[in-house]
Amino acid sequence: VQLQACGGGLVQAGGSLRLSCAASGRTFSRYNVGWFRQAPGKDREFVAAISWNGGSTRYADSVKGRFTISRDNAKKTVYLQMTSLKPEDTAVYYCAASIDDYYLTWSLTYGYWGQGTQVTVSS
């Protein structure tokens, strides 16, 4: 599976962005997908994850109620809708895919990673 994240940009606090993670490969629908982010000088952290069929989602406490993860397996794309953005959401956002169904909040679970897209939220 190859992944490509896009949709980042510069937005004012309180604004919204939608990130997309486009995948190649015939078996994408079998993979769970997660979004992670990494701010300068900080470790990569979990943001959200969605199961292979979209039936289950997980969110970091810091984004719960503001971000929504979804997927369209026919389009081989996973989305991260981000609303009420805050300056502390500024980071490079990565999407990742895992065939495993457990520990989806752990970056080590994921074997496939996209290249990242920059999100900058100004105050």
PDB file of N, CA and C in Angstrom:
ATOM      1  N   VAL A   1       0.849  -1.192   0.000  1.00  0.00           N
ATOM      2  CA  VAL A   1       0.000   0.000   0.000  1.00  0.00           C
ATOM      3  C   VAL A   1       0.881   1.237   0.000  1.00  0.00           C
ATOM      4  N   GLN A   2       0.602   2.154  -0.911  1.00  0.00           N
ATOM      5  CA  GLN A   2       1.284   3.446  -0.926  1.00  0.00           C
ATOM      6  C   GLN A   2       0.282   4.519  -0.580  1.00  0.00           C
ATOM      7  N   LEU A   3       0.706   5.474   0.242  1.00  0.00           N
ATOM      8  CA  LEU A   3      -0.192   6.503   0.747  1.00  0.00           C
ATOM      9  C   LEU A   3       0.328   7.880   0.387  1.00  0.00           C
ATOM     10  N   GLN A   4      -0.592   8.781   0.101  1.00  0.00           N
ATOM     11  CA  GLN A   4      -0.218  10.161  -0.171  1.00  0.00           C
ATOM     12  C   GLN A   4      -1.195  11.081   0.533  1.00  0.00           C
ATOM     13  N   ALA A   5      -0.666  11.871   1.454  1.00  0.00           N
ATOM     14  CA  ALA A   5      -1.496  12.812   2.209  1.00  0.00           C
ATOM     15  C   ALA A   5      -1.448  14.178   1.549  1.00  0.00           C
ATOM     16  N   CYS A   6      -2.580  14.859   1.581  1.00  0.00           N
ATOM     17  CA  CYS A   6      -2.638  16.219   1.046  1.00  0.00           C
ATOM     18  C   CYS A   6      -3.755  16.977   1.746  1.00  0.00           C
ATOM     19  N   GLY A   7      -3.829  18.269   1.468  1.00  0.00           N
ATOM     20  CA  GLY A   7      -4.904  19.085   2.014  1.00  0.00           C
ATOM     21  C   GLY A   7      -4.471  20.039   3.105  1.00  0.00           C
ATOM     22  N   GLY A   8      -3.212  19.972   3.489  1.00  0.00           N
ATOM     23  CA  GLY A   8      -2.734  20.888   4.509  1.00  0.00           C
ATOM     24  C   GLY A   8      -2.655  22.313   3.998  1.00  0.00           C
ATOM     25  N   GLY A   9      -2.357  23.215   4.910  1.00  0.00           N
ATOM     26  CA  GLY A   9      -2.247  24.614   4.526  1.00  0.00           C
ATOM     27  C   GLY A   9      -2.193  25.511   5.739  1.00  0.00           C
ATOM     28  N   LEU A  10      -2.339  26.800   5.472  1.00  0.00           N
ATOM     29  CA  LEU A  10      -2.329  27.815   6.521  1.00  0.00           C
ATOM     30  C   LEU A  10      -3.768  28.267   6.768  1.00  0.00           C
ATOM     31  N   VAL A  11      -4.182  28.244   8.018  1.00  0.00           N
ATOM     32  CA  VAL A  11      -5.544  28.620   8.372  1.00  0.00           C
ATOM     33  C   VAL A  11      -5.519  29.384   9.691  1.00  0.00           C
ATOM     34  N   GLN A  12      -6.470  30.270   9.873  1.00  0.00           N
ATOM     35  CA  GLN A  12      -6.569  31.006  11.124  1.00  0.00           C
ATOM     36  C   GLN A  12      -7.220  30.140  12.205  1.00  0.00           C
ATOM     37  N   ALA A  13      -6.918  30.449  13.433  1.00  0.00           N
ATOM     38  CA  ALA A  13      -7.533  29.734  14.551  1.00  0.00           C
ATOM     39  C   ALA A  13      -9.055  29.808  14.427  1.00  0.00           C
ATOM     40  N   GLY A  14      -9.689  28.687  14.686  1.00  0.00           N
ATOM     41  CA  GLY A  14     -11.137  28.595  14.531  1.00  0.00           C
ATOM     42  C   GLY A  14     -11.572  28.099  13.170  1.00  0.00           C
ATOM     43  N   GLY A  15     -10.642  28.041  12.244  1.00  0.00           N
ATOM     44  CA  GLY A  15     -10.958  27.614  10.891  1.00  0.00           C
ATOM     45  C   GLY A  15     -10.973  26.106  10.736  1.00  0.00           C
ATOM     46  N   SER A  16     -11.148  25.681   9.484  1.00  0.00           N
ATOM     47  CA  SER A  16     -11.271  24.261   9.180  1.00  0.00           C
ATOM     48  C   SER A  16     -10.378  23.877   8.008  1.00  0.00           C
ATOM     49  N   LEU A  17     -10.008  22.620   7.997  1.00  0.00           N
ATOM     50  CA  LEU A  17      -9.287  22.024   6.876  1.00  0.00           C
ATOM     51  C   LEU A  17      -9.728  20.573   6.756  1.00  0.00           C
ATOM     52  N   ARG A  18      -9.635  20.038   5.548  1.00  0.00           N
ATOM     53  CA  ARG A  18      -9.882  18.615   5.353  1.00  0.00           C
ATOM     54  C   ARG A  18      -8.656  17.991   4.710  1.00  0.00           C
ATOM     55  N   LEU A  19      -8.062  17.061   5.414  1.00  0.00           N
ATOM     56  CA  LEU A  19      -6.932  16.327   4.878  1.00  0.00           C
ATOM     57  C   LEU A  19      -7.442  15.070   4.180  1.00  0.00           C
ATOM     58  N   SER A  20      -6.726  14.700   3.141  1.00  0.00           N
ATOM     59  CA  SER A  20      -7.042  13.463   2.424  1.00  0.00           C
ATOM     60  C   SER A  20      -5.821  12.564   2.404  1.00  0.00           C
ATOM     61  N   CYS A  21      -6.060  11.285   2.446  1.00  0.00           N
ATOM     62  CA  CYS A  21      -5.005  10.289   2.348  1.00  0.00           C
ATOM     63  C   CYS A  21      -5.423   9.328   1.250  1.00  0.00           C
ATOM     64  N   ALA A  22      -4.791   9.464   0.097  1.00  0.00           N
ATOM     65  CA  ALA A  22      -5.122   8.635  -1.052  1.00  0.00           C
ATOM     66  C   ALA A  22      -4.186   7.437  -1.093  1.00  0.00           C
ATOM     67  N   ALA A  23      -4.748   6.270  -1.349  1.00  0.00           N
ATOM     68  CA  ALA A  23      -3.964   5.044  -1.330  1.00  0.00           C
ATOM     69  C   ALA A  23      -3.967   4.370  -2.691  1.00  0.00           C
ATOM     70  N   SER A  24      -2.914   3.649  -2.951  1.00  0.00           N
ATOM     71  CA  SER A  24      -2.861   2.781  -4.123  1.00  0.00           C
ATOM     72  C   SER A  24      -2.762   1.348  -3.629  1.00  0.00           C
ATOM     73  N   GLY A  25      -3.179   0.413  -4.455  1.00  0.00           N
ATOM     74  CA  GLY A  25      -3.150  -0.981  -4.037  1.00  0.00           C
ATOM     75  C   GLY A  25      -4.552  -1.542  -3.959  1.00  0.00           C
ATOM     76  N   ARG A  26      -4.705  -2.742  -4.418  1.00  0.00           N
ATOM     77  CA  ARG A  26      -6.029  -3.346  -4.505  1.00  0.00           C
ATOM     78  C   ARG A  26      -6.613  -3.735  -3.167  1.00  0.00           C
ATOM     79  N   THR A  27      -5.762  -3.884  -2.132  1.00  0.00           N
ATOM     80  CA  THR A  27      -6.245  -4.380  -0.852  1.00  0.00           C
ATOM     81  C   THR A  27      -6.421  -3.282   0.178  1.00  0.00           C
ATOM     82  N   PHE A  28      -6.503  -2.041  -0.253  1.00  0.00           N
ATOM     83  CA  PHE A  28      -6.600  -0.929   0.698  1.00  0.00           C
ATOM     84  C   PHE A  28      -7.771  -1.108   1.646  1.00  0.00           C
ATOM     85  N   SER A  29      -8.866  -1.636   1.166  1.00  0.00           N
ATOM     86  CA  SER A  29     -10.068  -1.769   2.001  1.00  0.00           C
ATOM     87  C   SER A  29      -9.863  -2.723   3.176  1.00  0.00           C
ATOM     88  N   ARG A  30      -8.781  -3.462   3.206  1.00  0.00           N
ATOM     89  CA  ARG A  30      -8.492  -4.370   4.309  1.00  0.00           C
ATOM     90  C   ARG A  30      -7.659  -3.717   5.403  1.00  0.00           C
ATOM     91  N   TYR A  31      -7.219  -2.492   5.168  1.00  0.00           N
ATOM     92  CA  TYR A  31      -6.302  -1.832   6.091  1.00  0.00           C
ATOM     93  C   TYR A  31      -7.022  -0.834   6.997  1.00  0.00           C
ATOM     94  N   ASN A  32      -6.618  -0.847   8.246  1.00  0.00           N
ATOM     95  CA  ASN A  32      -6.993   0.215   9.164  1.00  0.00           C
ATOM     96  C   ASN A  32      -6.071   1.408   8.890  1.00  0.00           C
ATOM     97  N   VAL A  33      -6.568   2.606   9.071  1.00  0.00           N
ATOM     98  CA  VAL A  33      -5.784   3.802   8.753  1.00  0.00           C
ATOM     99  C   VAL A  33      -5.780   4.757   9.941  1.00  0.00           C
ATOM    100  N   GLY A  34      -4.619   5.320  10.184  1.00  0.00           N
ATOM    101  CA  GLY A  34      -4.495   6.293  11.258  1.00  0.00           C
ATOM    102  C   GLY A  34      -3.884   7.594  10.757  1.00  0.00           C
ATOM    103  N   TRP A  35      -4.180   8.652  11.482  1.00  0.00           N
ATOM    104  CA  TRP A  35      -3.529   9.941  11.270  1.00  0.00           C
ATOM    105  C   TRP A  35      -2.676  10.236  12.498  1.00  0.00           C
ATOM    106  N   PHE A  36      -1.471  10.688  12.245  1.00  0.00           N
ATOM    107  CA  PHE A  36      -0.555  11.103  13.287  1.00  0.00           C
ATOM    108  C   PHE A  36      -0.059  12.500  12.938  1.00  0.00           C
ATOM    109  N   ARG A  37       0.508  13.180  13.903  1.00  0.00           N
ATOM    110  CA  ARG A  37       1.080  14.487  13.635  1.00  0.00           C
ATOM    111  C   ARG A  37       2.354  14.680  14.435  1.00  0.00           C
ATOM    112  N   GLN A  38       3.210  15.524  13.909  1.00  0.00           N
ATOM    113  CA  GLN A  38       4.462  15.818  14.580  1.00  0.00           C
ATOM    114  C   GLN A  38       4.755  17.295  14.472  1.00  0.00           C
ATOM    115  N   ALA A  39       4.823  17.940  15.623  1.00  0.00           N
ATOM    116  CA  ALA A  39       5.166  19.350  15.692  1.00  0.00           C
ATOM    117  C   ALA A  39       6.674  19.481  15.881  1.00  0.00           C
ATOM    118  N   PRO A  40       7.236  20.632  15.518  1.00  0.00           N
ATOM    119  CA  PRO A  40       8.687  20.822  15.664  1.00  0.00           C
ATOM    120  C   PRO A  40       9.144  20.584  17.102  1.00  0.00           C
ATOM    121  N   GLY A  41      10.162  19.756  17.255  1.00  0.00           N
ATOM    122  CA  GLY A  41      10.706  19.495  18.572  1.00  0.00           C
ATOM    123  C   GLY A  41       9.911  18.535  19.431  1.00  0.00           C
ATOM    124  N   LYS A  42       8.859  17.970  18.870  1.00  0.00           N
ATOM    125  CA  LYS A  42       8.015  17.050  19.631  1.00  0.00           C
ATOM    126  C   LYS A  42       7.967  15.683  18.974  1.00  0.00           C
ATOM    127  N   ASP A  43       7.561  14.693  19.751  1.00  0.00           N
ATOM    128  CA  ASP A  43       7.396  13.355  19.213  1.00  0.00           C
ATOM    129  C   ASP A  43       6.141  13.276  18.348  1.00  0.00           C
ATOM    130  N   ARG A  44       6.142  12.283  17.465  1.00  0.00           N
ATOM    131  CA  ARG A  44       4.949  12.049  16.669  1.00  0.00           C
ATOM    132  C   ARG A  44       3.839  11.546  17.586  1.00  0.00           C
ATOM    133  N   GLU A  45       2.640  12.064  17.402  1.00  0.00           N
ATOM    134  CA  GLU A  45       1.531  11.678  18.267  1.00  0.00           C
ATOM    135  C   GLU A  45       0.316  11.245  17.460  1.00  0.00           C
ATOM    136  N   PHE A  46      -0.431  10.363  18.075  1.00  0.00           N
ATOM    137  CA  PHE A  46      -1.649   9.844  17.470  1.00  0.00           C
ATOM    138  C   PHE A  46      -2.721  10.928  17.422  1.00  0.00           C
ATOM    139  N   VAL A  47      -3.464  10.955  16.324  1.00  0.00           N
ATOM    140  CA  VAL A  47      -4.569  11.895  16.167  1.00  0.00           C
ATOM    141  C   VAL A  47      -5.905  11.157  16.064  1.00  0.00           C
ATOM    142  N   ALA A  48      -6.008  10.244  15.111  1.00  0.00           N
ATOM    143  CA  ALA A  48      -7.266   9.530  14.891  1.00  0.00           C
ATOM    144  C   ALA A  48      -6.999   8.260  14.101  1.00  0.00           C
ATOM    145  N   ALA A  49      -7.915   7.308  14.218  1.00  0.00           N
ATOM    146  CA  ALA A  49      -7.800   6.071  13.459  1.00  0.00           C
ATOM    147  C   ALA A  49      -9.176   5.576  13.078  1.00  0.00           C
ATOM    148  N   ILE A  50      -9.227   4.829  11.973  1.00  0.00           N
ATOM    149  CA  ILE A  50     -10.482   4.265  11.501  1.00  0.00           C
ATOM    150  C   ILE A  50     -10.238   2.835  11.064  1.00  0.00           C
ATOM    151  N   SER A  51     -11.189   1.967  11.379  1.00  0.00           N
ATOM    152  CA  SER A  51     -11.043   0.561  11.022  1.00  0.00           C
ATOM    153  C   SER A  51     -11.226   0.361   9.524  1.00  0.00           C
ATOM    154  N   TRP A  52     -10.890  -0.815   9.056  1.00  0.00           N
ATOM    155  CA  TRP A  52     -10.885  -1.107   7.630  1.00  0.00           C
ATOM    156  C   TRP A  52     -12.246  -0.889   6.977  1.00  0.00           C
ATOM    157  N   ASN A  53     -13.330  -1.113   7.732  1.00  0.00           N
ATOM    158  CA  ASN A  53     -14.664  -0.952   7.141  1.00  0.00           C
ATOM    159  C   ASN A  53     -15.349   0.328   7.600  1.00  0.00           C
ATOM    160  N   GLY A  54     -14.618   1.151   8.340  1.00  0.00           N
ATOM    161  CA  GLY A  54     -15.193   2.407   8.806  1.00  0.00           C
ATOM    162  C   GLY A  54     -16.100   2.263  10.003  1.00  0.00           C
ATOM    163  N   GLY A  55     -16.207   1.051  10.526  1.00  0.00           N
ATOM    164  CA  GLY A  55     -17.143   0.818  11.606  1.00  0.00           C
ATOM    165  C   GLY A  55     -16.667   1.255  12.970  1.00  0.00           C
ATOM    166  N   SER A  56     -15.379   1.532  13.095  1.00  0.00           N
ATOM    167  CA  SER A  56     -14.824   1.910  14.382  1.00  0.00           C
ATOM    168  C   SER A  56     -13.842   3.052  14.200  1.00  0.00           C
ATOM    169  N   THR A  57     -13.901   4.024  15.085  1.00  0.00           N
ATOM    170  CA  THR A  57     -12.980   5.150  15.044  1.00  0.00           C
ATOM    171  C   THR A  57     -12.415   5.409  16.441  1.00  0.00           C
ATOM    172  N   ARG A  58     -11.237   5.992  16.476  1.00  0.00           N
ATOM    173  CA  ARG A  58     -10.593   6.387  17.727  1.00  0.00           C
ATOM    174  C   ARG A  58     -10.033   7.781  17.549  1.00  0.00           C
ATOM    175  N   TYR A  59     -10.018   8.550  18.616  1.00  0.00           N
ATOM    176  CA  TYR A  59      -9.498   9.915  18.564  1.00  0.00           C
ATOM    177  C   TYR A  59      -8.637  10.191  19.792  1.00  0.00           C
ATOM    178  N   ALA A  60      -7.643  11.016  19.592  1.00  0.00           N
ATOM    179  CA  ALA A  60      -6.904  11.544  20.733  1.00  0.00           C
ATOM    180  C   ALA A  60      -7.812  12.509  21.493  1.00  0.00           C
ATOM    181  N   ASP A  61      -7.636  12.576  22.789  1.00  0.00           N
ATOM    182  CA  ASP A  61      -8.478  13.469  23.589  1.00  0.00           C
ATOM    183  C   ASP A  61      -8.374  14.913  23.121  1.00  0.00           C
ATOM    184  N   SER A  62      -7.207  15.289  22.636  1.00  0.00           N
ATOM    185  CA  SER A  62      -6.966  16.676  22.254  1.00  0.00           C
ATOM    186  C   SER A  62      -7.761  17.102  21.025  1.00  0.00           C
ATOM    187  N   VAL A  63      -8.254  16.153  20.250  1.00  0.00           N
ATOM    188  CA  VAL A  63      -8.984  16.497  19.020  1.00  0.00           C
ATOM    189  C   VAL A  63     -10.429  16.015  19.045  1.00  0.00           C
ATOM    190  N   LYS A  64     -10.788  15.276  20.071  1.00  0.00           N
ATOM    191  CA  LYS A  64     -12.139  14.718  20.142  1.00  0.00           C
ATOM    192  C   LYS A  64     -13.172  15.834  20.110  1.00  0.00           C
ATOM    193  N   GLY A  65     -14.175  15.667  19.269  1.00  0.00           N
ATOM    194  CA  GLY A  65     -15.205  16.676  19.126  1.00  0.00           C
ATOM    195  C   GLY A  65     -14.888  17.749  18.105  1.00  0.00           C
ATOM    196  N   ARG A  66     -13.634  17.796  17.641  1.00  0.00           N
ATOM    197  CA  ARG A  66     -13.245  18.806  16.640  1.00  0.00           C
ATOM    198  C   ARG A  66     -12.848  18.154  15.318  1.00  0.00           C
ATOM    199  N   PHE A  67     -12.267  16.968  15.381  1.00  0.00           N
ATOM    200  CA  PHE A  67     -11.811  16.265  14.175  1.00  0.00           C
ATOM    201  C   PHE A  67     -12.711  15.058  13.925  1.00  0.00           C
ATOM    202  N   THR A  68     -12.887  14.750  12.641  1.00  0.00           N
ATOM    203  CA  THR A  68     -13.654  13.568  12.252  1.00  0.00           C
ATOM    204  C   THR A  68     -12.894  12.809  11.181  1.00  0.00           C
ATOM    205  N   ILE A  69     -12.691  11.533  11.424  1.00  0.00           N
ATOM    206  CA  ILE A  69     -12.037  10.677  10.432  1.00  0.00           C
ATOM    207  C   ILE A  69     -13.098   9.858   9.714  1.00  0.00           C
ATOM    208  N   SER A  70     -12.923   9.697   8.416  1.00  0.00           N
ATOM    209  CA  SER A  70     -13.860   8.910   7.623  1.00  0.00           C
ATOM    210  C   SER A  70     -13.107   8.298   6.452  1.00  0.00           C
ATOM    211  N   ARG A  71     -13.749   7.384   5.770  1.00  0.00           N
ATOM    212  CA  ARG A  71     -13.091   6.766   4.622  1.00  0.00           C
ATOM    213  C   ARG A  71     -14.097   6.413   3.552  1.00  0.00           C
ATOM    214  N   ASP A  72     -13.604   6.349   2.320  1.00  0.00           N
ATOM    215  CA  ASP A  72     -14.379   5.930   1.164  1.00  0.00           C
ATOM    216  C   ASP A  72     -13.533   4.871   0.470  1.00  0.00           C
ATOM    217  N   ASN A  73     -13.834   3.620   0.728  1.00  0.00           N
ATOM    218  CA  ASN A  73     -13.003   2.548   0.173  1.00  0.00           C
ATOM    219  C   ASN A  73     -13.101   2.460  -1.341  1.00  0.00           C
ATOM    220  N   ALA A  74     -14.217   2.873  -1.892  1.00  0.00           N
ATOM    221  CA  ALA A  74     -14.343   2.857  -3.354  1.00  0.00           C
ATOM    222  C   ALA A  74     -13.367   3.849  -3.986  1.00  0.00           C
ATOM    223  N   LYS A  75     -13.089   4.931  -3.283  1.00  0.00           N
ATOM    224  CA  LYS A  75     -12.133   5.930  -3.764  1.00  0.00           C
ATOM    225  C   LYS A  75     -10.747   5.731  -3.169  1.00  0.00           C
ATOM    226  N   LYS A  76     -10.605   4.721  -2.314  1.00  0.00           N
ATOM    227  CA  LYS A  76      -9.322   4.431  -1.669  1.00  0.00           C
ATOM    228  C   LYS A  76      -8.771   5.667  -0.965  1.00  0.00           C
ATOM    229  N   THR A  77      -9.627   6.335  -0.240  1.00  0.00           N
ATOM    230  CA  THR A  77      -9.244   7.586   0.402  1.00  0.00           C
ATOM    231  C   THR A  77      -9.782   7.639   1.825  1.00  0.00           C
ATOM    232  N   VAL A  78      -8.951   8.136   2.712  1.00  0.00           N
ATOM    233  CA  VAL A  78      -9.348   8.410   4.086  1.00  0.00           C
ATOM    234  C   VAL A  78      -9.249   9.913   4.304  1.00  0.00           C
ATOM    235  N   TYR A  79     -10.214  10.454   5.016  1.00  0.00           N
ATOM    236  CA  TYR A  79     -10.284  11.894   5.246  1.00  0.00           C
ATOM    237  C   TYR A  79     -10.128  12.212   6.732  1.00  0.00           C
ATOM    238  N   LEU A  80      -9.596  13.388   6.983  1.00  0.00           N
ATOM    239  CA  LEU A  80      -9.580  13.919   8.340  1.00  0.00           C
ATOM    240  C   LEU A  80     -10.134  15.333   8.272  1.00  0.00           C
ATOM    241  N   GLN A  81     -11.385  15.477   8.696  1.00  0.00           N
ATOM    242  CA  GLN A  81     -12.015  16.793   8.738  1.00  0.00           C
ATOM    243  C   GLN A  81     -11.646  17.444  10.053  1.00  0.00           C
ATOM    244  N   MET A  82     -11.022  18.603   9.976  1.00  0.00           N
ATOM    245  CA  MET A  82     -10.558  19.311  11.162  1.00  0.00           C
ATOM    246  C   MET A  82     -11.302  20.635  11.278  1.00  0.00           C
ATOM    247  N   THR A  83     -11.952  20.843  12.387  1.00  0.00           N
ATOM    248  CA  THR A  83     -12.675  22.076  12.641  1.00  0.00           C
ATOM    249  C   THR A  83     -12.187  22.701  13.945  1.00  0.00           C
ATOM    250  N   SER A  84     -12.580  23.949  14.153  1.00  0.00           N
ATOM    251  CA  SER A  84     -12.192  24.673  15.370  1.00  0.00           C
ATOM    252  C   SER A  84     -10.697  24.528  15.629  1.00  0.00           C
ATOM    253  N   LEU A  85      -9.925  24.739  14.597  1.00  0.00           N
ATOM    254  CA  LEU A  85      -8.483  24.535  14.705  1.00  0.00           C
ATOM    255  C   LEU A  85      -7.848  25.527  15.672  1.00  0.00           C
ATOM    256  N   LYS A  86      -6.821  25.032  16.339  1.00  0.00           N
ATOM    257  CA  LYS A  86      -6.095  25.819  17.329  1.00  0.00           C
ATOM    258  C   LYS A  86      -4.619  25.903  16.924  1.00  0.00           C
ATOM    259  N   PRO A  87      -3.914  26.918  17.387  1.00  0.00           N
ATOM    260  CA  PRO A  87      -2.482  27.004  17.064  1.00  0.00           C
ATOM    261  C   PRO A  87      -1.712  25.743  17.471  1.00  0.00           C
ATOM    262  N   GLU A  88      -2.135  25.090  18.524  1.00  0.00           N
ATOM    263  CA  GLU A  88      -1.437  23.872  18.958  1.00  0.00           C
ATOM    264  C   GLU A  88      -1.688  22.678  18.052  1.00  0.00           C
ATOM    265  N   ASP A  89      -2.567  22.835  17.064  1.00  0.00           N
ATOM    266  CA  ASP A  89      -2.760  21.782  16.057  1.00  0.00           C
ATOM    267  C   ASP A  89      -1.711  21.878  14.948  1.00  0.00           C
ATOM    268  N   THR A  90      -0.900  22.912  14.976  1.00  0.00           N
ATOM    269  CA  THR A  90       0.135  23.085  13.966  1.00  0.00           C
ATOM    270  C   THR A  90       1.125  21.929  14.012  1.00  0.00           C
ATOM    271  N   ALA A  91       1.305  21.276  12.884  1.00  0.00           N
ATOM    272  CA  ALA A  91       2.184  20.099  12.804  1.00  0.00           C
ATOM    273  C   ALA A  91       2.204  19.598  11.363  1.00  0.00           C
ATOM    274  N   VAL A  92       3.104  18.664  11.116  1.00  0.00           N
ATOM    275  CA  VAL A  92       3.037  17.874   9.899  1.00  0.00           C
ATOM    276  C   VAL A  92       2.149  16.669  10.202  1.00  0.00           C
ATOM    277  N   TYR A  93       1.154  16.467   9.368  1.00  0.00           N
ATOM    278  CA  TYR A  93       0.196  15.382   9.558  1.00  0.00           C
ATOM    279  C   TYR A  93       0.523  14.242   8.596  1.00  0.00           C
ATOM    280  N   TYR A  94       0.547  13.041   9.164  1.00  0.00           N
ATOM    281  CA  TYR A  94       0.860  11.841   8.389  1.00  0.00           C
ATOM    282  C   TYR A  94      -0.296  10.859   8.460  1.00  0.00           C
ATOM    283  N   CYS A  95      -0.561  10.194   7.347  1.00  0.00           N
ATOM    284  CA  CYS A  95      -1.483   9.077   7.396  1.00  0.00           C
ATOM    285  C   CYS A  95      -0.680   7.787   7.304  1.00  0.00           C
ATOM    286  N   ALA A  96      -1.234   6.734   7.880  1.00  0.00           N
ATOM    287  CA  ALA A  96      -0.534   5.464   7.936  1.00  0.00           C
ATOM    288  C   ALA A  96      -1.551   4.335   7.873  1.00  0.00           C
ATOM    289  N   ALA A  97      -1.116   3.188   7.393  1.00  0.00           N
ATOM    290  CA  ALA A  97      -2.006   2.037   7.229  1.00  0.00           C
ATOM    291  C   ALA A  97      -1.452   0.827   7.961  1.00  0.00           C
ATOM    292  N   SER A  98      -2.372   0.065   8.541  1.00  0.00           N
ATOM    293  CA  SER A  98      -1.988  -1.135   9.276  1.00  0.00           C
ATOM    294  C   SER A  98      -2.985  -2.255   9.006  1.00  0.00           C
ATOM    295  N   ILE A  99      -2.470  -3.462   8.833  1.00  0.00           N
ATOM    296  CA  ILE A  99      -3.326  -4.629   8.662  1.00  0.00           C
ATOM    297  C   ILE A  99      -3.783  -5.148  10.025  1.00  0.00           C
ATOM    298  N   ASP A 100      -3.099  -4.728  11.089  1.00  0.00           N
ATOM    299  CA  ASP A 100      -3.450  -5.169  12.433  1.00  0.00           C
ATOM    300  C   ASP A 100      -4.653  -4.386  12.944  1.00  0.00           C
ATOM    301  N   ASP A 101      -5.467  -5.059  13.750  1.00  0.00           N
ATOM    302  CA  ASP A 101      -6.682  -4.444  14.265  1.00  0.00           C
ATOM    303  C   ASP A 101      -6.533  -3.885  15.677  1.00  0.00           C
ATOM    304  N   TYR A 102      -5.358  -4.058  16.263  1.00  0.00           N
ATOM    305  CA  TYR A 102      -5.172  -3.617  17.643  1.00  0.00           C
ATOM    306  C   TYR A 102      -4.068  -2.568  17.725  1.00  0.00           C
ATOM    307  N   TYR A 103      -4.064  -1.881  18.867  1.00  0.00           N
ATOM    308  CA  TYR A 103      -3.025  -0.886  19.154  1.00  0.00           C
ATOM    309  C   TYR A 103      -2.936   0.161  18.047  1.00  0.00           C
ATOM    310  N   LEU A 104      -4.048   0.606  17.571  1.00  0.00           N
ATOM    311  CA  LEU A 104      -4.059   1.555  16.462  1.00  0.00           C
ATOM    312  C   LEU A 104      -3.659   2.960  16.875  1.00  0.00           C
ATOM    313  N   THR A 105      -3.473   3.193  18.169  1.00  0.00           N
ATOM    314  CA  THR A 105      -2.980   4.486  18.616  1.00  0.00           C
ATOM    315  C   THR A 105      -1.455   4.515  18.669  1.00  0.00           C
ATOM    316  N   TRP A 106      -0.826   3.382  18.411  1.00  0.00           N
ATOM    317  CA  TRP A 106       0.634   3.271  18.456  1.00  0.00           C
ATOM    318  C   TRP A 106       1.198   3.398  17.051  1.00  0.00           C
ATOM    319  N   SER A 107       2.161   4.254  16.861  1.00  0.00           N
ATOM    320  CA  SER A 107       2.747   4.431  15.539  1.00  0.00           C
ATOM    321  C   SER A 107       3.458   3.171  15.056  1.00  0.00           C
ATOM    322  N   LEU A 108       3.999   2.381  15.978  1.00  0.00           N
ATOM    323  CA  LEU A 108       4.729   1.175  15.588  1.00  0.00           C
ATOM    324  C   LEU A 108       3.820   0.112  14.974  1.00  0.00           C
ATOM    325  N   THR A 109       2.512   0.250  15.163  1.00  0.00           N
ATOM    326  CA  THR A 109       1.562  -0.700  14.585  1.00  0.00           C
ATOM    327  C   THR A 109       1.495  -0.582  13.069  1.00  0.00           C
ATOM    328  N   TYR A 110       1.843   0.585  12.567  1.00  0.00           N
ATOM    329  CA  TYR A 110       1.628   0.901  11.157  1.00  0.00           C
ATOM    330  C   TYR A 110       2.868   0.599  10.313  1.00  0.00           C
ATOM    331  N   GLY A 111       2.641  -0.126   9.234  1.00  0.00           N
ATOM    332  CA  GLY A 111       3.752  -0.496   8.370  1.00  0.00           C
ATOM    333  C   GLY A 111       3.912   0.374   7.142  1.00  0.00           C
ATOM    334  N   TYR A 112       2.894   1.178   6.874  1.00  0.00           N
ATOM    335  CA  TYR A 112       2.907   2.007   5.661  1.00  0.00           C
ATOM    336  C   TYR A 112       2.585   3.444   6.047  1.00  0.00           C
ATOM    337  N   TRP A 113       3.380   4.376   5.519  1.00  0.00           N
ATOM    338  CA  TRP A 113       3.241   5.785   5.872  1.00  0.00           C
ATOM    339  C   TRP A 113       3.231   6.646   4.622  1.00  0.00           C
ATOM    340  N   GLY A 114       2.427   7.701   4.669  1.00  0.00           N
ATOM    341  CA  GLY A 114       2.463   8.721   3.638  1.00  0.00           C
ATOM    342  C   GLY A 114       3.557   9.731   3.953  1.00  0.00           C
ATOM    343  N   GLN A 115       3.724  10.699   3.084  1.00  0.00           N
ATOM    344  CA  GLN A 115       4.838  11.632   3.176  1.00  0.00           C
ATOM    345  C   GLN A 115       4.573  12.826   4.096  1.00  0.00           C
ATOM    346  N   GLY A 116       3.362  13.039   4.533  1.00  0.00           N
ATOM    347  CA  GLY A 116       3.069  14.152   5.426  1.00  0.00           C
ATOM    348  C   GLY A 116       2.608  15.398   4.707  1.00  0.00           C
ATOM    349  N   THR A 117       1.742  16.136   5.380  1.00  0.00           N
ATOM    350  CA  THR A 117       1.269  17.408   4.852  1.00  0.00           C
ATOM    351  C   THR A 117       1.262  18.411   6.003  1.00  0.00           C
ATOM    352  N   GLN A 118       1.728  19.625   5.728  1.00  0.00           N
ATOM    353  CA  GLN A 118       1.897  20.631   6.769  1.00  0.00           C
ATOM    354  C   GLN A 118       0.578  21.348   7.051  1.00  0.00           C
ATOM    355  N   VAL A 119       0.233  21.438   8.323  1.00  0.00           N
ATOM    356  CA  VAL A 119      -0.914  22.228   8.768  1.00  0.00           C
ATOM    357  C   VAL A 119      -0.384  23.299   9.709  1.00  0.00           C
ATOM    358  N   THR A 120      -0.699  24.546   9.390  1.00  0.00           N
ATOM    359  CA  THR A 120      -0.266  25.661  10.218  1.00  0.00           C
ATOM    360  C   THR A 120      -1.491  26.484  10.604  1.00  0.00           C
ATOM    361  N   VAL A 121      -1.682  26.644  11.904  1.00  0.00           N
ATOM    362  CA  VAL A 121      -2.822  27.401  12.409  1.00  0.00           C
ATOM    363  C   VAL A 121      -2.293  28.664  13.076  1.00  0.00           C
ATOM    364  N   SER A 122      -2.691  29.804  12.546  1.00  0.00           N
ATOM    365  CA  SER A 122      -2.227  31.077  13.095  1.00  0.00           C
ATOM    366  C   SER A 122      -3.219  31.589  14.133  1.00  0.00           C
ATOM    367  N   SER A 123      -2.681  32.293  15.107  1.00  0.00           N
ATOM    368  CA  SER A 123      -3.542  32.816  16.187  1.00  0.00           C
ATOM    369  C   SER A 123      -4.067  34.199  15.854  1.00  0.00           C
TER     370      SER A 123
END
